[in-house]
Amino acid sequence: MELIIGLLSGAVGGNVAGKLLGSLNQGTLINSISGIVGGGLGGTILGAMGVGGAEGMDVAGVIAQVAGGGIGGGVVLAIVGAVRNMMGK
């Protein structure tokens, strides 16, 4: 369940980052895919660090997964957007 939360919040985080950082916006599809990848990575990294979801599905764990997924999604989108901009799209 933690992975699903991370993936969904990553997709949202990727799209929010795309809207906030207009020069890195790659469109809804690429923003979502980048966000999903980043959300999965963010959730996995947090889980390995023992943050979020380690004690079960409590409120703090869910919040940590949402935050980690959203931030991870935004970071991966920023990387993808910067690389694509350097390549000239």
PDB file of N, CA and C in Angstrom:
ATOM      1  N   MET A   1       0.818  -1.190   0.000  1.00  0.00           N
ATOM      2  CA  MET A   1       0.000   0.000   0.000  1.00  0.00           C
ATOM      3  C   MET A   1       0.867   1.261   0.000  1.00  0.00           C
ATOM      4  N   GLU A   2       2.007   1.203   0.684  1.00  0.00           N
ATOM      5  CA  GLU A   2       2.891   2.361   0.735  1.00  0.00           C
ATOM      6  C   GLU A   2       3.408   2.717  -0.651  1.00  0.00           C
ATOM      7  N   LEU A   3       3.691   1.706  -1.478  1.00  0.00           N
ATOM      8  CA  LEU A   3       4.185   1.952  -2.830  1.00  0.00           C
ATOM      9  C   LEU A   3       3.130   2.669  -3.666  1.00  0.00           C
ATOM     10  N   ILE A   4       1.895   2.252  -3.550  1.00  0.00           N
ATOM     11  CA  ILE A   4       0.815   2.891  -4.313  1.00  0.00           C
ATOM     12  C   ILE A   4       0.674   4.356  -3.904  1.00  0.00           C
ATOM     13  N   ILE A   5       0.748   4.621  -2.612  1.00  0.00           N
ATOM     14  CA  ILE A   5       0.667   6.007  -2.131  1.00  0.00           C
ATOM     15  C   ILE A   5       1.824   6.817  -2.690  1.00  0.00           C
ATOM     16  N   GLY A   6       3.016   6.247  -2.677  1.00  0.00           N
ATOM     17  CA  GLY A   6       4.186   6.948  -3.211  1.00  0.00           C
ATOM     18  C   GLY A   6       4.066   7.227  -4.698  1.00  0.00           C
ATOM     19  N   LEU A   7       3.559   6.260  -5.463  1.00  0.00           N
ATOM     20  CA  LEU A   7       3.418   6.442  -6.903  1.00  0.00           C
ATOM     21  C   LEU A   7       2.377   7.504  -7.239  1.00  0.00           C
ATOM     22  N   LEU A   8       1.230   7.443  -6.555  1.00  0.00           N
ATOM     23  CA  LEU A   8       0.180   8.430  -6.811  1.00  0.00           C
ATOM     24  C   LEU A   8       0.614   9.834  -6.407  1.00  0.00           C
ATOM     25  N   SER A   9       1.224   9.957  -5.238  1.00  0.00           N
ATOM     26  CA  SER A   9       1.666  11.288  -4.819  1.00  0.00           C
ATOM     27  C   SER A   9       2.824  11.776  -5.686  1.00  0.00           C
ATOM     28  N   GLY A  10       3.613  10.862  -6.215  1.00  0.00           N
ATOM     29  CA  GLY A  10       4.672  11.245  -7.153  1.00  0.00           C
ATOM     30  C   GLY A  10       4.108  11.819  -8.437  1.00  0.00           C
ATOM     31  N   ALA A  11       3.042  11.202  -8.957  1.00  0.00           N
ATOM     32  CA  ALA A  11       2.404  11.726 -10.169  1.00  0.00           C
ATOM     33  C   ALA A  11       1.859  13.131  -9.920  1.00  0.00           C
ATOM     34  N   VAL A  12       1.236  13.310  -8.781  1.00  0.00           N
ATOM     35  CA  VAL A  12       0.721  14.645  -8.429  1.00  0.00           C
ATOM     36  C   VAL A  12       1.882  15.621  -8.260  1.00  0.00           C
ATOM     37  N   GLY A  13       2.919  15.194  -7.562  1.00  0.00           N
ATOM     38  CA  GLY A  13       4.089  16.057  -7.354  1.00  0.00           C
ATOM     39  C   GLY A  13       4.768  16.444  -8.655  1.00  0.00           C
ATOM     40  N   GLY A  14       4.848  15.520  -9.594  1.00  0.00           N
ATOM     41  CA  GLY A  14       5.440  15.825 -10.895  1.00  0.00           C
ATOM     42  C   GLY A  14       4.636  16.864 -11.652  1.00  0.00           C
ATOM     43  N   ASN A  15       3.322  16.748 -11.611  1.00  0.00           N
ATOM     44  CA  ASN A  15       2.476  17.714 -12.311  1.00  0.00           C
ATOM     45  C   ASN A  15       2.476  19.077 -11.629  1.00  0.00           C
ATOM     46  N   VAL A  16       2.495  19.086 -10.301  1.00  0.00           N
ATOM     47  CA  VAL A  16       2.560  20.360  -9.577  1.00  0.00           C
ATOM     48  C   VAL A  16       3.894  21.055  -9.873  1.00  0.00           C
ATOM     49  N   ALA A  17       4.977  20.294  -9.845  1.00  0.00           N
ATOM     50  CA  ALA A  17       6.288  20.877 -10.145  1.00  0.00           C
ATOM     51  C   ALA A  17       6.333  21.400 -11.573  1.00  0.00           C
ATOM     52  N   GLY A  18       5.706  20.690 -12.501  1.00  0.00           N
ATOM     53  CA  GLY A  18       5.664  21.149 -13.884  1.00  0.00           C
ATOM     54  C   GLY A  18       4.928  22.466 -14.034  1.00  0.00           C
ATOM     55  N   LYS A  19       3.856  22.631 -13.271  1.00  0.00           N
ATOM     56  CA  LYS A  19       3.101  23.888 -13.329  1.00  0.00           C
ATOM     57  C   LYS A  19       3.864  25.031 -12.656  1.00  0.00           C
ATOM     58  N   LEU A  20       4.536  24.728 -11.548  1.00  0.00           N
ATOM     59  CA  LEU A  20       5.272  25.763 -10.831  1.00  0.00           C
ATOM     60  C   LEU A  20       6.545  26.178 -11.557  1.00  0.00           C
ATOM     61  N   LEU A  21       7.200  25.221 -12.187  1.00  0.00           N
ATOM     62  CA  LEU A  21       8.452  25.477 -12.906  1.00  0.00           C
ATOM     63  C   LEU A  21       8.162  25.386 -14.401  1.00  0.00           C
ATOM     64  N   GLY A  22       7.559  26.420 -14.929  1.00  0.00           N
ATOM     65  CA  GLY A  22       7.081  26.404 -16.311  1.00  0.00           C
ATOM     66  C   GLY A  22       8.133  26.029 -17.336  1.00  0.00           C
ATOM     67  N   SER A  23       9.387  26.425 -17.123  1.00  0.00           N
ATOM     68  CA  SER A  23      10.433  26.111 -18.094  1.00  0.00           C
ATOM     69  C   SER A  23      10.780  24.627 -18.103  1.00  0.00           C
ATOM     70  N   LEU A  24      10.429  23.904 -17.048  1.00  0.00           N
ATOM     71  CA  LEU A  24      10.708  22.467 -16.977  1.00  0.00           C
ATOM     72  C   LEU A  24       9.480  21.617 -17.274  1.00  0.00           C
ATOM     73  N   ASN A  25       8.342  22.265 -17.518  1.00  0.00           N
ATOM     74  CA  ASN A  25       7.097  21.550 -17.790  1.00  0.00           C
ATOM     75  C   ASN A  25       7.228  20.760 -19.082  1.00  0.00           C
ATOM     76  N   GLN A  26       6.912  19.468 -19.031  1.00  0.00           N
ATOM     77  CA  GLN A  26       7.034  18.591 -20.193  1.00  0.00           C
ATOM     78  C   GLN A  26       5.687  18.085 -20.678  1.00  0.00           C
ATOM     79  N   GLY A  27       4.618  18.618 -20.159  1.00  0.00           N
ATOM     80  CA  GLY A  27       3.284  18.139 -20.508  1.00  0.00           C
ATOM     81  C   GLY A  27       2.802  17.144 -19.466  1.00  0.00           C
ATOM     82  N   THR A  28       1.503  16.961 -19.427  1.00  0.00           N
ATOM     83  CA  THR A  28       0.907  16.141 -18.373  1.00  0.00           C
ATOM     84  C   THR A  28       1.427  14.709 -18.377  1.00  0.00           C
ATOM     85  N   LEU A  29       1.574  14.095 -19.546  1.00  0.00           N
ATOM     86  CA  LEU A  29       2.000  12.691 -19.609  1.00  0.00           C
ATOM     87  C   LEU A  29       3.420  12.513 -19.080  1.00  0.00           C
ATOM     88  N   ILE A  30       4.363  13.298 -19.591  1.00  0.00           N
ATOM     89  CA  ILE A  30       5.758  13.172 -19.144  1.00  0.00           C
ATOM     90  C   ILE A  30       5.897  13.601 -17.686  1.00  0.00           C
ATOM     91  N   ASN A  31       5.172  14.648 -17.287  1.00  0.00           N
ATOM     92  CA  ASN A  31       5.197  15.061 -15.885  1.00  0.00           C
ATOM     93  C   ASN A  31       4.723  13.921 -14.989  1.00  0.00           C
ATOM     94  N   SER A  32       3.651  13.243 -15.392  1.00  0.00           N
ATOM     95  CA  SER A  32       3.106  12.140 -14.587  1.00  0.00           C
ATOM     96  C   SER A  32       4.061  10.959 -14.538  1.00  0.00           C
ATOM     97  N   ILE A  33       4.628  10.591 -15.683  1.00  0.00           N
ATOM     98  CA  ILE A  33       5.555   9.451 -15.717  1.00  0.00           C
ATOM     99  C   ILE A  33       6.791   9.754 -14.872  1.00  0.00           C
ATOM    100  N   SER A  34       7.345  10.942 -15.037  1.00  0.00           N
ATOM    101  CA  SER A  34       8.512  11.333 -14.229  1.00  0.00           C
ATOM    102  C   SER A  34       8.161  11.334 -12.750  1.00  0.00           C
ATOM    103  N   GLY A  35       6.978  11.839 -12.434  1.00  0.00           N
ATOM    104  CA  GLY A  35       6.534  11.867 -11.048  1.00  0.00           C
ATOM    105  C   GLY A  35       6.349  10.489 -10.461  1.00  0.00           C
ATOM    106  N   ILE A  36       5.797   9.566 -11.248  1.00  0.00           N
ATOM    107  CA  ILE A  36       5.604   8.196 -10.772  1.00  0.00           C
ATOM    108  C   ILE A  36       6.954   7.547 -10.471  1.00  0.00           C
ATOM    109  N   VAL A  37       7.914   7.738 -11.364  1.00  0.00           N
ATOM    110  CA  VAL A  37       9.255   7.187 -11.125  1.00  0.00           C
ATOM    111  C   VAL A  37       9.861   7.802  -9.865  1.00  0.00           C
ATOM    112  N   GLY A  38       9.767   9.119  -9.763  1.00  0.00           N
ATOM    113  CA  GLY A  38      10.312   9.795  -8.585  1.00  0.00           C
ATOM    114  C   GLY A  38       9.582   9.428  -7.307  1.00  0.00           C
ATOM    115  N   GLY A  39       8.270   9.264  -7.399  1.00  0.00           N
ATOM    116  CA  GLY A  39       7.499   8.859  -6.226  1.00  0.00           C
ATOM    117  C   GLY A  39       7.872   7.474  -5.743  1.00  0.00           C
ATOM    118  N   GLY A  40       8.088   6.565  -6.680  1.00  0.00           N
ATOM    119  CA  GLY A  40       8.521   5.212  -6.315  1.00  0.00           C
ATOM    120  C   GLY A  40       9.897   5.222  -5.672  1.00  0.00           C
ATOM    121  N   LEU A  41      10.798   6.012  -6.262  1.00  0.00           N
ATOM    122  CA  LEU A  41      12.144   6.114  -5.683  1.00  0.00           C
ATOM    123  C   LEU A  41      12.121   6.786  -4.322  1.00  0.00           C
ATOM    124  N   GLY A  42      11.350   7.871  -4.210  1.00  0.00           N
ATOM    125  CA  GLY A  42      11.262   8.581  -2.934  1.00  0.00           C
ATOM    126  C   GLY A  42      10.699   7.700  -1.837  1.00  0.00           C
ATOM    127  N   GLY A  43       9.636   6.943  -2.151  1.00  0.00           N
ATOM    128  CA  GLY A  43       9.047   6.036  -1.171  1.00  0.00           C
ATOM    129  C   GLY A  43       9.991   4.918  -0.777  1.00  0.00           C
ATOM    130  N   THR A  44      10.737   4.405  -1.761  1.00  0.00           N
ATOM    131  CA  THR A  44      11.692   3.332  -1.488  1.00  0.00           C
ATOM    132  C   THR A  44      12.838   3.834  -0.603  1.00  0.00           C
ATOM    133  N   ILE A  45      13.324   5.009  -0.909  1.00  0.00           N
ATOM    134  CA  ILE A  45      14.424   5.574  -0.112  1.00  0.00           C
ATOM    135  C   ILE A  45      13.961   5.843   1.314  1.00  0.00           C
ATOM    136  N   LEU A  46      12.758   6.418   1.463  1.00  0.00           N
ATOM    137  CA  LEU A  46      12.242   6.665   2.812  1.00  0.00           C
ATOM    138  C   LEU A  46      12.045   5.362   3.583  1.00  0.00           C
ATOM    139  N   GLY A  47      11.538   4.332   2.888  1.00  0.00           N
ATOM    140  CA  GLY A  47      11.345   3.042   3.540  1.00  0.00           C
ATOM    141  C   GLY A  47      12.661   2.436   3.997  1.00  0.00           C
ATOM    142  N   ALA A  48      13.702   2.586   3.170  1.00  0.00           N
ATOM    143  CA  ALA A  48      15.013   2.056   3.534  1.00  0.00           C
ATOM    144  C   ALA A  48      15.613   2.804   4.725  1.00  0.00           C
ATOM    145  N   MET A  49      15.228   4.071   4.856  1.00  0.00           N
ATOM    146  CA  MET A  49      15.711   4.869   5.978  1.00  0.00           C
ATOM    147  C   MET A  49      14.870   4.651   7.225  1.00  0.00           C
ATOM    148  N   GLY A  50      13.782   3.893   7.086  1.00  0.00           N
ATOM    149  CA  GLY A  50      12.926   3.617   8.229  1.00  0.00           C
ATOM    150  C   GLY A  50      11.898   4.699   8.492  1.00  0.00           C
ATOM    151  N   VAL A  51      11.655   5.555   7.509  1.00  0.00           N
ATOM    152  CA  VAL A  51      10.689   6.645   7.661  1.00  0.00           C
ATOM    153  C   VAL A  51       9.440   6.296   6.873  1.00  0.00           C
ATOM    154  N   GLY A  52       8.297   6.409   7.501  1.00  0.00           N
ATOM    155  CA  GLY A  52       7.032   6.224   6.797  1.00  0.00           C
ATOM    156  C   GLY A  52       6.723   4.783   6.492  1.00  0.00           C
ATOM    157  N   GLY A  53       5.657   4.308   6.991  1.00  0.00           N
ATOM    158  CA  GLY A  53       5.181   2.971   6.687  1.00  0.00           C
ATOM    159  C   GLY A  53       5.848   1.858   7.472  1.00  0.00           C
ATOM    160  N   ALA A  54       6.876   2.157   8.219  1.00  0.00           N
ATOM    161  CA  ALA A  54       7.576   1.110   8.943  1.00  0.00           C
ATOM    162  C   ALA A  54       6.722   0.550  10.082  1.00  0.00           C
ATOM    163  N   GLU A  55       5.858   1.389  10.649  1.00  0.00           N
ATOM    164  CA  GLU A  55       5.017   0.953  11.757  1.00  0.00           C
ATOM    165  C   GLU A  55       3.607   0.598  11.293  1.00  0.00           C
ATOM    166  N   GLY A  56       3.382   0.512  10.000  1.00  0.00           N
ATOM    167  CA  GLY A  56       2.045   0.229   9.490  1.00  0.00           C
ATOM    168  C   GLY A  56       1.432   1.459   8.872  1.00  0.00           C
ATOM    169  N   MET A  57       0.139   1.393   8.656  1.00  0.00           N
ATOM    170  CA  MET A  57      -0.555   2.469   7.969  1.00  0.00           C
ATOM    171  C   MET A  57      -1.128   3.485   8.965  1.00  0.00           C
ATOM    172  N   ASP A  58      -0.259   4.113   9.732  1.00  0.00           N
ATOM    173  CA  ASP A  58      -0.725   5.165  10.625  1.00  0.00           C
ATOM    174  C   ASP A  58      -0.663   6.503   9.886  1.00  0.00           C
ATOM    175  N   VAL A  59      -1.199   7.542  10.493  1.00  0.00           N
ATOM    176  CA  VAL A  59      -1.292   8.849   9.848  1.00  0.00           C
ATOM    177  C   VAL A  59       0.097   9.389   9.520  1.00  0.00           C
ATOM    178  N   ALA A  60       1.036   9.272  10.432  1.00  0.00           N
ATOM    179  CA  ALA A  60       2.383   9.779  10.198  1.00  0.00           C
ATOM    180  C   ALA A  60       3.049   9.049   9.033  1.00  0.00           C
ATOM    181  N   GLY A  61       2.826   7.748   8.936  1.00  0.00           N
ATOM    182  CA  GLY A  61       3.399   6.981   7.833  1.00  0.00           C
ATOM    183  C   GLY A  61       2.833   7.397   6.494  1.00  0.00           C
ATOM    184  N   VAL A  62       1.531   7.620   6.436  1.00  0.00           N
ATOM    185  CA  VAL A  62       0.890   8.034   5.191  1.00  0.00           C
ATOM    186  C   VAL A  62       1.378   9.429   4.792  1.00  0.00           C
ATOM    187  N   ILE A  63       1.461  10.335   5.752  1.00  0.00           N
ATOM    188  CA  ILE A  63       1.937  11.687   5.459  1.00  0.00           C
ATOM    189  C   ILE A  63       3.374  11.648   4.944  1.00  0.00           C
ATOM    190  N   ALA A  64       4.210  10.824   5.565  1.00  0.00           N
ATOM    191  CA  ALA A  64       5.600  10.699   5.118  1.00  0.00           C
ATOM    192  C   ALA A  64       5.673  10.134   3.705  1.00  0.00           C
ATOM    193  N   GLN A  65       4.828   9.162   3.383  1.00  0.00           N
ATOM    194  CA  GLN A  65       4.812   8.603   2.031  1.00  0.00           C
ATOM    195  C   GLN A  65       4.357   9.630   1.005  1.00  0.00           C
ATOM    196  N   VAL A  66       3.332  10.397   1.342  1.00  0.00           N
ATOM    197  CA  VAL A  66       2.831  11.432   0.426  1.00  0.00           C
ATOM    198  C   VAL A  66       3.911  12.493   0.203  1.00  0.00           C
ATOM    199  N   ALA A  67       4.536  12.930   1.271  1.00  0.00           N
ATOM    200  CA  ALA A  67       5.586  13.944   1.147  1.00  0.00           C
ATOM    201  C   ALA A  67       6.774  13.406   0.346  1.00  0.00           C
ATOM    202  N   GLY A  68       7.215  12.206   0.668  1.00  0.00           N
ATOM    203  CA  GLY A  68       8.351  11.618  -0.050  1.00  0.00           C
ATOM    204  C   GLY A  68       8.049  11.391  -1.512  1.00  0.00           C
ATOM    205  N   GLY A  69       6.854  10.915  -1.805  1.00  0.00           N
ATOM    206  CA  GLY A  69       6.465  10.704  -3.194  1.00  0.00           C
ATOM    207  C   GLY A  69       6.356  11.998  -3.962  1.00  0.00           C
ATOM    208  N   GLY A  70       5.747  12.994  -3.354  1.00  0.00           N
ATOM    209  CA  GLY A  70       5.600  14.287  -4.016  1.00  0.00           C
ATOM    210  C   GLY A  70       6.928  14.964  -4.276  1.00  0.00           C
ATOM    211  N   ILE A  71       7.790  14.942  -3.291  1.00  0.00           N
ATOM    212  CA  ILE A  71       9.115  15.557  -3.451  1.00  0.00           C
ATOM    213  C   ILE A  71       9.943  14.777  -4.470  1.00  0.00           C
ATOM    214  N   GLY A  72       9.907  13.449  -4.365  1.00  0.00           N
ATOM    215  CA  GLY A  72      10.641  12.625  -5.333  1.00  0.00           C
ATOM    216  C   GLY A  72      10.154  12.862  -6.750  1.00  0.00           C
ATOM    217  N   GLY A  73       8.847  12.973  -6.920  1.00  0.00           N
ATOM    218  CA  GLY A  73       8.288  13.236  -8.244  1.00  0.00           C
ATOM    219  C   GLY A  73       8.729  14.574  -8.792  1.00  0.00           C
ATOM    220  N   GLY A  74       8.739  15.585  -7.948  1.00  0.00           N
ATOM    221  CA  GLY A  74       9.193  16.904  -8.383  1.00  0.00           C
ATOM    222  C   GLY A  74      10.663  16.925  -8.756  1.00  0.00           C
ATOM    223  N   VAL A  75      11.477  16.227  -7.989  1.00  0.00           N
ATOM    224  CA  VAL A  75      12.916  16.187  -8.254  1.00  0.00           C
ATOM    225  C   VAL A  75      13.204  15.482  -9.583  1.00  0.00           C
ATOM    226  N   VAL A  76      12.582  14.327  -9.807  1.00  0.00           N
ATOM    227  CA  VAL A  76      12.818  13.606 -11.056  1.00  0.00           C
ATOM    228  C   VAL A  76      12.314  14.420 -12.246  1.00  0.00           C
ATOM    229  N   LEU A  77      11.160  15.088 -12.101  1.00  0.00           N
ATOM    230  CA  LEU A  77      10.668  15.933 -13.186  1.00  0.00           C
ATOM    231  C   LEU A  77      11.659  17.052 -13.475  1.00  0.00           C
ATOM    232  N   ALA A  78      12.217  17.674 -12.455  1.00  0.00           N
ATOM    233  CA  ALA A  78      13.186  18.745 -12.664  1.00  0.00           C
ATOM    234  C   ALA A  78      14.409  18.230 -13.422  1.00  0.00           C
ATOM    235  N   ILE A  79      14.864  17.037 -13.088  1.00  0.00           N
ATOM    236  CA  ILE A  79      16.011  16.450 -13.783  1.00  0.00           C
ATOM    237  C   ILE A  79      15.657  16.161 -15.240  1.00  0.00           C
ATOM    238  N   VAL A  80      14.513  15.526 -15.472  1.00  0.00           N
ATOM    239  CA  VAL A  80      14.088  15.203 -16.840  1.00  0.00           C
ATOM    240  C   VAL A  80      13.905  16.482 -17.659  1.00  0.00           C
ATOM    241  N   GLY A  81      13.255  17.485 -17.066  1.00  0.00           N
ATOM    242  CA  GLY A  81      13.038  18.741 -17.767  1.00  0.00           C
ATOM    243  C   GLY A  81      14.338  19.443 -18.117  1.00  0.00           C
ATOM    244  N   ALA A  82      15.291  19.463 -17.190  1.00  0.00           N
ATOM    245  CA  ALA A  82      16.579  20.103 -17.446  1.00  0.00           C
ATOM    246  C   ALA A  82      17.339  19.382 -18.553  1.00  0.00           C
ATOM    247  N   VAL A  83      17.332  18.051 -18.524  1.00  0.00           N
ATOM    248  CA  VAL A  83      18.028  17.280 -19.557  1.00  0.00           C
ATOM    249  C   VAL A  83      17.380  17.505 -20.921  1.00  0.00           C
ATOM    250  N   ARG A  84      16.054  17.465 -20.957  1.00  0.00           N
ATOM    251  CA  ARG A  84      15.357  17.680 -22.240  1.00  0.00           C
ATOM    252  C   ARG A  84      15.571  19.089 -22.761  1.00  0.00           C
ATOM    253  N   ASN A  85      15.612  20.076 -21.876  1.00  0.00           N
ATOM    254  CA  ASN A  85      15.868  21.451 -22.311  1.00  0.00           C
ATOM    255  C   ASN A  85      17.280  21.603 -22.866  1.00  0.00           C
ATOM    256  N   MET A  86      18.251  20.922 -22.245  1.00  0.00           N
ATOM    257  CA  MET A  86      19.632  20.978 -22.746  1.00  0.00           C
ATOM    258  C   MET A  86      19.753  20.322 -24.107  1.00  0.00           C
ATOM    259  N   MET A  87      18.941  19.294 -24.337  1.00  0.00           N
ATOM    260  CA  MET A  87      18.981  18.579 -25.617  1.00  0.00           C
ATOM    261  C   MET A  87      18.166  19.285 -26.691  1.00  0.00           C
ATOM    262  N   GLY A  88      17.448  20.307 -26.319  1.00  0.00           N
ATOM    263  CA  GLY A  88      16.642  21.040 -27.278  1.00  0.00           C
ATOM    264  C   GLY A  88      15.292  20.407 -27.542  1.00  0.00           C
ATOM    265  N   LYS A  89      14.808  19.578 -26.619  1.00  0.00           N
ATOM    266  CA  LYS A  89      13.539  18.862 -26.704  1.00  0.00           C
ATOM    267  C   LYS A  89      13.560  18.058 -27.958  1.00  0.00           C
TER     268      LYS A  89
END
